[in-house]
Structure formats: structure tokens, C-alpha cells
Amino acid sequence: MRFVHVGREGRGARRRGVAAAVVLAGCGALLAAGCSPAGVDGARPGGSPPGMAAGAGSPGPSGTSGTSGSPPASVPPARGAVTVAGEVAKGLESPWGVAPLPGGDLLVASRDKGSISRVAAGSGTVTRIGSVPGVSPGGEGGLLGLALSPDFASDRMVYAYFTTEGDNRIARMRYDERRPAGQQLGAPDTVFRGIPKGLIHNGGRIAFGPDKMLYAGTGETGDTGLAQDKESLGGKILRMTPDGDPVHGNPEADSVVYSYGHRNVQGLAWDGDKRLWAAEFGQNTWDELNLIEPGANYGWPEAEGKAGRPGMRDPVAVWKTDEASPSGIAWAQGSVWMAGLKGNRLWRIPLSGTALVAEPEAFLEGKYGRLRSVVALGGDRLLLVTSETDGRGSPEAGDDRILTLTVR
């Protein structure tokens, strides 16, 4: 068992030079694609270690290896581009989860304050709508992921993943805009509890999938053995109903465990063919982007990166840990877009089915510091959330920020 002594979100380096000015929507300057720095021992960031083909060992949607059975309708270009189109909000404290509301406004969770705020899309005005009772921030824990109910238009339910004194859990709260500001969240209804907590590796990303089921990425809290223990909820991706019950068709009856062998999952996204992708922190060698299959073992702590171990799934892409420390991911324009914390950059991973089209590209390197969350808004638009005020960054005036991006 490996001894883990620090969290692998990494300490952010100070941004180089003056922070880049944000360009107003419609007037953004196109940022040139960043060249991916070379890895060690001949391995390229996001690519394959020597002797392994890109995507080797990665299952297709039916559990087969390699690319999907039929070619996709369109393949993204090898080279992409990012334009910073505007700044939605600034001056946020430890932002983590983000949930777009119908109409364009945003809900944003503050990890350390345990509160949820609404950001007005037009003005950027930030208004606290309420706090989540029971949040116990500390280390990498606190108020983390947010998600709206699939039936939000009728039930007005906001789901939150958060750390308490004894565990990590998921609760839902009714959002009533008619009540006074700061009192608009109803009492939390806990739908799932008992996820292991720690000072590090609390996971925290939640999202409703195309099947309208709730998925959650968890961490092993630094106790590496939890990841391989299918009786533990640590180091897993969980799948449950909106009420927190196991889903019929999960790998094991009466279990919410969907995949295991993870170190610390903080990124979840589905591609255009409804395949689930997840980003997770490595320890000292490789951060990972994984294609998630139900019941699959992703190796930790026995394997890190593309190890080729029998019975364990290799990642589709890997990075040296100081170039990524991945948190949120999103799918847009045929690529997975991945926020890097310690890496201080946004990664584009272009995919054809389940295989890499080309080596991943780095954008915005060092421009905005640590990057926490990426949210797809549809088409070629993304939201990007910085993370300089989480105790590991070097905050400057205006941090933290939410930016709008146009990508290809």
C-alpha cells in the first residue's frame, strides 16, 4: 500500500505576468493553442507511454477494446482553439460546483463558506440564496458539486454533494425564488449518506446522466485500500436514482457502485454517444481521463496510468501530475475539455469514438491560475471556473472568476 501524505490537487504556481484581460463577448481575441510539453521517458502528456497505442486497453461502449463499432458522423480537428468571450462573475470565494439555471443564470457553490449563490448572466451580480446546513469544510472537503434535478422546471430541486463532520453525502433542497435572498433554499433532504470523508480525496462531482440517474465521483480519502473494496463507497463512481436508491441494471444488485479502483474522481461528462468519461488525480506519476464502463476496475492503487494490468482498465489519456491535477470536465465540439488545478491550464482531448484523434492540447496556460470546473452550455460555448482562493493558489484582484469560452 502506498503512503499518501498530501492531497494531489497540487499547490498552484503564481501566474506568469499580469493576468490576461478578459475580452467582452463578441470581441474576444483568439488564443493560440498551447503546445503540450514533453513527458518523461518518451511519453507525451495525454498520449501513450512508449510501446502503447493511443486508447489501448480502453473499452468501447459495449465493453470491447479500441474504437467504437462504427465511425462517428464527424471527427474533430486535430488542432482546436479557445476564445475567452467574457467574464460572467468575479470576486467569488472558493467556487466549486456550478449549475446553469434555465434562462442563463448560474448557481455556484462555495466550498469553504458552505453557501450557494446565484450569478446573474447579464450583470454578473452575485446574490447568496442560502447555506447548506451541516457542511464541515476542511482540507479538500466542504460544499462541492451541484446539480439540478432532471425535473427542475416542476420540482425546483437542487442537489449538493458535501462534507459533514462524519461523512460525505448528497442532499437535495427546494429552491424558492419568491422567498427573501439568503433564505431561498428549503431544508435539505438527504438522499444518500455514508461516503467516506477525509482531509483529502473527497471526490465531489455529481451529475445527472442521459438516463436521468444521479452519478457521483468519490475519493478514497487517502486510504488507498478503499478503492478496491467494493463494499466501500470510497474511490468509486456511484449511480443511483434521484431518491438515492440503487438503479436496476447496476453491476451488482442493491449496490450504487458503478465502477471502482479510482483514486479521486472530480470530473464527469457524457459524450455525444452517451458514453461516460471521468477525470481523476494520479499520485506521483499519471493523472487520467477514463472511459467508464459499468463494473470495471480502474486499477488504483495497484495501477496508475497505462499499466496494462489484466482485469484493470487503462485510461484513454494520461498527463504528468504537474501538468494537470484534473478537476471538472465537459464535452463540446467532439472533445473532452478538462480543467487543470496544479497544471493551471485547460486541456482539449479530441476524440473519435473512444480513441484520441490527436495529442491533447493545452490552452490558457498560466493565464488564470488554478482551474476547477468546466461546464458545457451547448454548441461551442463553455463556462470555466477558476480556483485561486481555495488555499492553494495565489489569488489576485478579482479572483475567483467565471469565464465564458468559445471553443472548437
Protein backbone atom coordinates (compact mmCIF):
# COMPACT_ATOMS: atom_id res chain seq x y z
CA MET A 1 0.00 0.00 0.00
CA ARG A 2 1.40 3.39 -0.92
CA PHE A 3 1.67 6.03 1.76
CA VAL A 4 -0.18 9.20 0.77
CA HIS A 5 0.98 12.26 2.65
CA VAL A 6 -0.55 15.17 0.74
CA GLY A 7 -3.60 15.87 -1.38
CA ARG A 8 -2.95 15.74 -5.12
CA GLU A 9 -4.92 18.80 -6.06
CA GLY A 10 -1.46 20.38 -6.02
CA ARG A 11 -0.28 23.79 -4.98
CA GLY A 12 -0.79 26.29 -7.77
CA ALA A 13 2.19 28.23 -9.08
CA ARG A 14 1.89 32.02 -9.32
CA ARG A 15 0.55 33.11 -12.67
CA ARG A 16 3.08 34.41 -15.10
CA GLY A 17 2.95 38.17 -15.60
CA VAL A 18 -0.18 40.26 -15.44
CA ALA A 19 -3.47 38.36 -15.60
CA ALA A 20 -4.84 38.33 -19.11
CA ALA A 21 -7.55 40.90 -19.74
CA VAL A 22 -10.97 39.43 -20.35
CA VAL A 23 -12.42 40.25 -23.74
CA LEU A 24 -16.06 41.23 -23.93
CA ALA A 25 -18.43 38.91 -25.74
CA GLY A 26 -18.22 39.28 -29.50
CA CYS A 27 -14.80 40.95 -29.35
CA GLY A 28 -12.63 38.14 -27.97
CA ALA A 29 -9.18 37.57 -29.34
CA LEU A 30 -8.44 34.01 -30.34
CA LEU A 31 -5.93 32.39 -28.02
CA ALA A 32 -3.39 30.27 -29.82
CA ALA A 33 -3.27 26.58 -28.96
CA GLY A 34 -0.62 25.80 -26.36
CA CYS A 35 1.96 23.16 -27.23
CA SER A 36 1.89 20.18 -24.92
CA PRO A 37 5.22 19.85 -23.13
CA ALA A 38 7.02 16.58 -23.49
CA GLY A 39 6.67 13.99 -20.77
CA VAL A 40 9.40 11.87 -19.30
CA ASP A 41 10.73 8.64 -20.77
CA GLY A 42 9.33 9.50 -24.16
CA ALA A 43 5.70 9.70 -23.04
CA ARG A 44 3.66 12.67 -24.22
CA PRO A 45 1.10 14.42 -21.99
CA GLY A 46 -2.31 12.97 -22.74
CA GLY A 47 -0.76 10.44 -25.06
CA SER A 48 0.50 6.90 -24.75
CA PRO A 49 3.62 5.77 -22.93
CA PRO A 50 6.19 4.18 -25.25
CA GLY A 51 5.05 0.92 -26.78
CA MET A 52 1.31 1.52 -26.25
CA ALA A 53 -1.12 2.73 -28.87
CA ALA A 54 -3.41 5.62 -28.05
CA GLY A 55 -6.57 4.26 -26.48
CA ALA A 56 -5.05 0.82 -25.89
CA GLY A 57 -6.95 -1.12 -23.29
CA SER A 58 -9.83 1.34 -23.41
CA PRO A 59 -13.25 -0.27 -23.78
CA GLY A 60 -15.83 0.72 -26.32
CA PRO A 61 -19.44 1.31 -25.35
CA SER A 62 -20.19 -2.42 -25.39
CA GLY A 63 -17.09 -3.35 -23.42
CA THR A 64 -14.94 -4.00 -26.48
CA SER A 65 -11.46 -2.61 -26.82
CA GLY A 66 -10.43 0.27 -29.06
CA THR A 67 -12.68 2.47 -31.15
CA SER A 68 -16.45 2.26 -31.31
CA GLY A 69 -18.03 -0.17 -33.74
CA SER A 70 -18.97 2.42 -36.36
CA PRO A 71 -17.23 5.64 -37.34
CA PRO A 72 -18.70 8.79 -35.79
CA ALA A 73 -20.60 11.19 -38.01
CA SER A 74 -17.86 13.77 -37.68
CA VAL A 75 -14.34 13.83 -36.29
CA PRO A 76 -12.99 16.92 -34.52
CA PRO A 77 -9.92 18.60 -35.99
CA ALA A 78 -6.54 17.68 -34.61
CA ARG A 79 -5.99 21.30 -33.58
CA GLY A 80 -8.53 23.31 -31.64
CA ALA A 81 -8.92 26.87 -30.46
CA VAL A 82 -10.21 28.77 -27.42
CA THR A 83 -11.56 32.32 -27.27
CA VAL A 84 -12.21 33.95 -23.91
CA ALA A 85 -15.51 35.60 -24.76
CA GLY A 86 -16.35 37.28 -21.48
CA GLU A 87 -16.31 37.33 -17.71
CA VAL A 88 -19.56 36.24 -16.05
CA ALA A 89 -18.54 36.93 -12.46
CA LYS A 90 -15.55 37.75 -10.27
CA GLY A 91 -14.71 38.06 -6.60
CA LEU A 92 -16.01 34.58 -5.77
CA GLU A 93 -14.67 32.70 -2.74
CA SER A 94 -13.66 29.04 -3.19
CA PRO A 95 -16.15 28.31 -6.01
CA TRP A 96 -16.55 24.59 -6.77
CA GLY A 97 -19.81 23.25 -8.21
CA VAL A 98 -21.77 25.18 -10.86
CA ALA A 99 -25.28 24.54 -12.15
CA PRO A 100 -26.73 26.61 -15.04
CA LEU A 101 -30.33 27.65 -14.50
CA PRO A 102 -32.98 27.90 -17.21
CA GLY A 103 -32.64 31.39 -18.64
CA GLY A 104 -28.86 31.61 -18.27
CA ASP A 105 -28.20 32.49 -14.63
CA LEU A 106 -25.93 30.22 -12.58
CA LEU A 107 -25.92 28.60 -9.16
CA VAL A 108 -22.41 28.43 -7.66
CA ALA A 109 -21.30 26.56 -4.54
CA SER A 110 -18.67 27.99 -2.20
CA ARG A 111 -16.67 25.07 -0.85
CA ASP A 112 -15.45 26.83 2.29
CA LYS A 113 -18.47 29.02 3.07
CA GLY A 114 -20.97 26.20 2.57
CA SER A 115 -23.26 28.59 0.70
CA ILE A 116 -24.89 28.69 -2.72
CA SER A 117 -25.12 31.92 -4.71
CA ARG A 118 -26.92 32.93 -7.86
CA VAL A 119 -24.97 34.76 -10.55
CA ALA A 120 -26.95 36.94 -12.93
CA ALA A 121 -25.91 36.20 -16.50
CA GLY A 122 -26.22 39.76 -17.74
CA SER A 123 -24.80 41.85 -14.90
CA GLY A 124 -22.63 39.35 -13.05
CA THR A 125 -24.36 40.27 -9.80
CA VAL A 126 -23.78 37.61 -7.14
CA THR A 127 -26.61 37.02 -4.65
CA ARG A 128 -26.46 34.41 -1.90
CA ILE A 129 -29.59 32.26 -1.97
CA GLY A 130 -28.79 30.22 1.13
CA SER A 131 -26.44 27.96 3.04
CA VAL A 132 -26.39 24.18 3.29
CA PRO A 133 -26.76 23.06 6.92
CA GLY A 134 -24.21 20.56 8.18
CA VAL A 135 -21.35 21.44 5.82
CA SER A 136 -18.00 20.95 7.57
CA PRO A 137 -15.25 22.47 5.39
CA GLY A 138 -11.67 21.40 5.90
CA GLY A 139 -8.82 20.38 3.64
CA GLU A 140 -10.36 19.37 0.32
CA GLY A 141 -13.82 18.92 1.83
CA GLY A 142 -16.80 21.24 2.10
CA LEU A 143 -19.65 22.13 -0.23
CA LEU A 144 -18.60 20.58 -3.52
CA GLY A 145 -20.70 19.50 -6.54
CA LEU A 146 -24.09 20.89 -7.58
CA ALA A 147 -26.69 19.50 -9.98
CA LEU A 148 -30.26 20.40 -10.89
CA SER A 149 -32.98 17.78 -10.82
CA PRO A 150 -33.93 16.46 -14.29
CA ASP A 151 -37.40 17.74 -13.38
CA PHE A 152 -36.19 21.09 -12.06
CA ALA A 153 -38.82 23.02 -14.03
CA SER A 154 -41.50 21.40 -11.87
CA ASP A 155 -39.82 20.29 -8.64
CA ARG A 156 -37.19 23.12 -8.26
CA MET A 157 -34.76 20.69 -6.59
CA VAL A 158 -31.03 21.48 -6.30
CA TYR A 159 -28.72 18.57 -5.41
CA ALA A 160 -25.47 19.13 -3.49
CA TYR A 161 -22.55 16.87 -2.54
CA PHE A 162 -20.92 17.98 0.70
CA THR A 163 -18.69 17.02 3.61
CA THR A 164 -20.11 16.80 7.13
CA GLU A 165 -18.40 16.03 10.45
CA GLY A 166 -18.82 12.30 9.79
CA ASP A 167 -19.13 11.63 6.07
CA ASN A 168 -19.68 12.94 2.57
CA ARG A 169 -23.31 12.93 1.47
CA ILE A 170 -25.77 14.11 -1.15
CA ALA A 171 -28.85 16.14 -0.28
CA ARG A 172 -31.50 17.99 -2.28
CA MET A 173 -33.13 21.30 -1.43
CA ARG A 174 -36.08 23.11 -2.95
CA TYR A 175 -35.14 26.47 -4.46
CA ASP A 176 -37.88 29.04 -3.96
CA GLU A 177 -37.06 32.36 -5.65
CA ARG A 178 -40.10 34.02 -4.05
CA ARG A 179 -38.50 33.92 -0.60
CA PRO A 180 -36.07 36.62 0.62
CA ALA A 181 -32.48 36.48 -0.60
CA GLY A 182 -30.38 34.25 1.63
CA GLN A 183 -33.44 32.18 2.63
CA GLN A 184 -34.40 30.64 -0.68
CA LEU A 185 -33.19 27.08 -0.02
CA GLY A 186 -35.53 24.70 1.73
CA ALA A 187 -34.44 22.21 4.39
CA PRO A 188 -32.06 19.59 2.99
CA ASP A 189 -33.48 16.15 2.23
CA THR A 190 -30.55 13.71 2.44
CA VAL A 191 -30.83 11.22 -0.40
CA PHE A 192 -27.51 9.43 0.17
CA ARG A 193 -25.03 9.33 3.04
CA GLY A 194 -22.06 7.35 4.29
CA ILE A 195 -19.45 8.22 1.64
CA PRO A 196 -16.05 8.21 3.40
CA LYS A 197 -14.59 11.65 4.20
CA GLY A 198 -11.07 12.87 4.79
CA LEU A 199 -8.87 15.94 4.65
CA ILE A 200 -8.01 14.86 1.10
CA HIS A 201 -9.64 12.95 -1.75
CA ASN A 202 -13.32 13.59 -1.10
CA GLY A 203 -14.30 13.43 -4.77
CA GLY A 204 -17.41 15.57 -5.00
CA ARG A 205 -18.61 15.89 -8.59
CA ILE A 206 -22.26 14.98 -9.19
CA ALA A 207 -24.23 14.98 -12.43
CA PHE A 208 -27.44 13.59 -13.86
CA GLY A 209 -26.76 11.37 -16.85
CA PRO A 210 -28.71 10.94 -20.10
CA ASP A 211 -30.64 8.19 -18.27
CA LYS A 212 -31.76 10.77 -15.66
CA MET A 213 -29.91 8.85 -12.96
CA LEU A 214 -27.59 10.59 -10.49
CA TYR A 215 -23.84 9.87 -10.75
CA ALA A 216 -21.25 10.81 -8.13
CA GLY A 217 -17.46 10.66 -8.16
CA THR A 218 -15.87 9.80 -4.80
CA GLY A 219 -12.33 9.64 -3.44
CA GLU A 220 -10.53 7.14 -1.25
CA THR A 221 -9.70 9.78 1.39
CA GLY A 222 -6.03 8.79 1.33
CA ASP A 223 -6.87 5.23 2.46
CA THR A 224 -5.87 3.56 -0.80
CA GLY A 225 -7.40 0.19 0.07
CA LEU A 226 -10.92 1.60 -0.15
CA ALA A 227 -10.67 1.93 -3.93
CA GLN A 228 -10.51 -1.85 -4.49
CA ASP A 229 -13.03 -2.68 -1.75
CA LYS A 230 -16.38 -2.98 -3.49
CA GLU A 231 -18.11 -2.83 -0.12
CA SER A 232 -16.76 0.69 0.40
CA LEU A 233 -18.15 3.82 -1.27
CA GLY A 234 -14.69 5.43 -1.43
CA GLY A 235 -12.74 5.55 -4.68
CA LYS A 236 -15.80 4.85 -6.80
CA ILE A 237 -18.25 6.23 -9.32
CA LEU A 238 -21.75 5.79 -7.93
CA ARG A 239 -25.02 5.56 -9.86
CA MET A 240 -28.35 5.98 -8.11
CA THR A 241 -31.91 7.13 -8.66
CA PRO A 242 -32.82 10.75 -7.84
CA ASP A 243 -34.05 9.37 -4.50
CA GLY A 244 -30.66 7.77 -3.75
CA ASP A 245 -31.59 4.15 -4.41
CA PRO A 246 -29.53 1.62 -6.42
CA VAL A 247 -30.53 1.55 -10.07
CA HIS A 248 -31.86 -1.63 -11.62
CA GLY A 249 -29.12 -2.73 -14.01
CA ASN A 250 -26.21 -1.57 -11.86
CA PRO A 251 -23.31 -4.06 -11.87
CA GLU A 252 -24.32 -5.56 -8.53
CA ALA A 253 -27.84 -5.80 -7.16
CA ASP A 254 -28.65 -3.46 -4.29
CA SER A 255 -25.41 -1.52 -4.79
CA VAL A 256 -24.88 2.00 -6.09
CA VAL A 257 -21.28 1.18 -7.06
CA TYR A 258 -20.94 1.67 -10.83
CA SER A 259 -17.13 1.46 -11.21
CA TYR A 260 -14.24 1.10 -8.79
CA GLY A 261 -10.46 1.34 -8.46
CA HIS A 262 -10.47 5.15 -8.57
CA ARG A 263 -8.22 7.47 -6.57
CA ASN A 264 -10.16 10.75 -6.59
CA VAL A 265 -12.80 11.43 -9.24
CA GLN A 266 -13.75 15.09 -9.71
CA GLY A 267 -14.78 15.16 -13.39
CA LEU A 268 -17.82 13.53 -15.03
CA ALA A 269 -19.18 14.12 -18.54
CA TRP A 270 -21.03 12.29 -21.29
CA ASP A 271 -20.08 12.49 -24.95
CA GLY A 272 -22.42 12.75 -27.94
CA ASP A 273 -22.96 8.99 -27.92
CA LYS A 274 -23.82 8.96 -24.20
CA ARG A 275 -20.53 7.39 -23.11
CA LEU A 276 -19.41 8.40 -19.63
CA TRP A 277 -15.95 9.93 -19.16
CA ALA A 278 -14.21 10.67 -15.86
CA ALA A 279 -11.09 12.56 -14.84
CA GLU A 280 -9.13 11.65 -11.75
CA PHE A 281 -5.99 12.58 -9.88
CA GLY A 282 -2.97 10.33 -10.01
CA GLN A 283 -0.46 10.21 -7.20
CA ASN A 284 3.06 10.93 -8.36
CA THR A 285 3.13 9.86 -11.99
CA TRP A 286 -0.04 9.96 -14.12
CA ASP A 287 -3.32 11.84 -14.00
CA GLU A 288 -6.03 10.11 -16.02
CA LEU A 289 -9.00 10.51 -18.34
CA ASN A 290 -11.03 7.30 -18.27
CA LEU A 291 -13.87 5.91 -20.34
CA ILE A 292 -16.22 4.47 -17.74
CA GLU A 293 -17.82 1.05 -18.14
CA PRO A 294 -20.19 -0.44 -15.54
CA GLY A 295 -18.45 -2.83 -13.18
CA ALA A 296 -14.97 -2.04 -14.48
CA ASN A 297 -11.88 -1.81 -12.27
CA TYR A 298 -9.69 1.23 -12.97
CA GLY A 299 -6.72 -0.08 -11.06
CA TRP A 300 -5.92 2.19 -8.14
CA PRO A 301 -3.80 1.59 -6.07
CA GLU A 302 -2.42 -1.38 -8.00
CA ALA A 303 -2.07 0.62 -11.21
CA GLU A 304 -1.53 4.28 -12.06
CA GLY A 305 -1.71 5.36 -15.69
CA LYS A 306 -1.49 2.88 -18.58
CA ALA A 307 -0.17 -0.12 -16.69
CA GLY A 308 -1.66 -2.88 -18.87
CA ARG A 309 -2.72 -4.95 -15.85
CA PRO A 310 -5.07 -7.87 -16.59
CA GLY A 311 -8.59 -7.22 -15.33
CA MET A 312 -7.98 -3.47 -14.98
CA ARG A 313 -8.96 -0.72 -17.41
CA ASP A 314 -6.29 1.62 -18.71
CA PRO A 315 -7.04 5.33 -19.18
CA VAL A 316 -7.55 6.73 -22.66
CA ALA A 317 -5.25 9.67 -21.91
CA VAL A 318 -2.67 10.47 -19.23
CA TRP A 319 -0.73 13.51 -18.04
CA LYS A 320 2.20 14.10 -15.75
CA THR A 321 0.74 15.26 -12.46
CA ASP A 322 2.23 18.77 -12.54
CA GLU A 323 0.61 19.41 -15.93
CA ALA A 324 -2.95 18.59 -14.96
CA SER A 325 -4.34 17.69 -11.50
CA PRO A 326 -7.71 17.42 -13.23
CA SER A 327 -10.98 18.51 -11.69
CA GLY A 328 -14.06 19.27 -13.81
CA ILE A 329 -14.58 18.12 -17.41
CA ALA A 330 -17.14 18.90 -20.11
CA TRP A 331 -17.95 17.63 -23.59
CA ALA A 332 -18.15 20.07 -26.53
CA GLN A 333 -17.28 20.11 -30.22
CA GLY A 334 -16.14 16.47 -30.30
CA SER A 335 -13.67 16.89 -27.43
CA VAL A 336 -13.44 16.49 -23.70
CA TRP A 337 -12.34 19.76 -22.06
CA MET A 338 -10.54 19.28 -18.75
CA ALA A 339 -9.71 21.87 -16.08
CA GLY A 340 -6.27 21.60 -14.51
CA LEU A 341 -5.61 22.75 -10.95
CA LYS A 342 -1.88 22.41 -10.41
CA GLY A 343 -1.45 22.48 -14.19
CA ASN A 344 -3.01 25.97 -14.42
CA ARG A 345 -4.39 25.18 -17.88
CA LEU A 346 -7.36 23.90 -19.85
CA TRP A 347 -6.85 20.68 -21.79
CA ARG A 348 -8.64 19.73 -25.02
CA ILE A 349 -8.83 15.99 -25.72
CA PRO A 350 -10.20 15.40 -29.27
CA LEU A 351 -11.89 12.02 -29.69
CA SER A 352 -13.15 9.83 -32.49
CA GLY A 353 -15.40 7.36 -30.74
CA THR A 354 -13.21 6.22 -27.85
CA ALA A 355 -9.81 6.89 -29.46
CA LEU A 356 -7.68 10.01 -29.46
CA VAL A 357 -7.74 11.97 -32.73
CA ALA A 358 -4.51 13.71 -31.77
CA GLU A 359 -2.43 14.55 -28.74
CA PRO A 360 -4.33 16.72 -26.22
CA GLU A 361 -3.69 20.47 -26.41
CA ALA A 362 -3.18 22.91 -23.54
CA PHE A 363 -4.84 26.34 -23.54
CA LEU A 364 -4.78 29.35 -21.19
CA GLU A 365 -1.61 28.07 -19.53
CA GLY A 366 -0.82 30.29 -16.54
CA LYS A 367 -3.37 32.93 -17.57
CA TYR A 368 -5.97 32.45 -14.84
CA GLY A 369 -4.23 30.19 -12.32
CA ARG A 370 -5.86 27.05 -11.00
CA LEU A 371 -8.92 25.88 -12.94
CA ARG A 372 -11.64 23.98 -11.10
CA SER A 373 -14.78 23.43 -13.18
CA VAL A 374 -15.84 23.34 -16.83
CA VAL A 375 -19.50 23.40 -17.83
CA ALA A 376 -20.92 22.86 -21.32
CA LEU A 377 -23.54 25.43 -22.33
CA GLY A 378 -24.36 23.85 -25.68
CA GLY A 379 -22.74 24.19 -29.08
CA ASP A 380 -19.30 25.77 -28.89
CA ARG A 381 -19.76 27.53 -25.53
CA LEU A 382 -18.22 26.59 -22.17
CA LEU A 383 -18.07 28.06 -18.69
CA LEU A 384 -14.71 27.95 -16.90
CA VAL A 385 -14.37 28.41 -13.12
CA THR A 386 -11.04 29.35 -11.53
CA SER A 387 -9.84 28.13 -8.11
CA GLU A 388 -7.27 30.57 -6.74
CA THR A 389 -8.99 31.22 -3.38
CA ASP A 390 -9.06 27.59 -2.20
CA GLY A 391 -5.93 27.96 -0.05
CA ARG A 392 -3.58 26.51 -2.67
CA GLY A 393 -3.50 29.29 -5.21
CA SER A 394 -2.03 32.77 -5.45
CA PRO A 395 -5.15 34.95 -5.63
CA GLU A 396 -5.02 38.29 -7.39
CA ALA A 397 -7.54 41.12 -7.54
CA GLY A 398 -10.84 39.81 -8.91
CA ASP A 399 -10.29 36.14 -8.11
CA ASP A 400 -12.09 33.84 -8.30
CA ARG A 401 -13.77 34.18 -11.70
CA ILE A 402 -16.22 32.52 -14.03
CA LEU A 403 -15.37 32.97 -17.71
CA THR A 404 -17.25 32.18 -20.88
CA LEU A 405 -15.31 30.46 -23.65
CA THR A 406 -15.92 29.76 -27.30
CA VAL A 407 -14.14 26.59 -28.40
CA ARG A 408 -13.54 24.37 -31.37
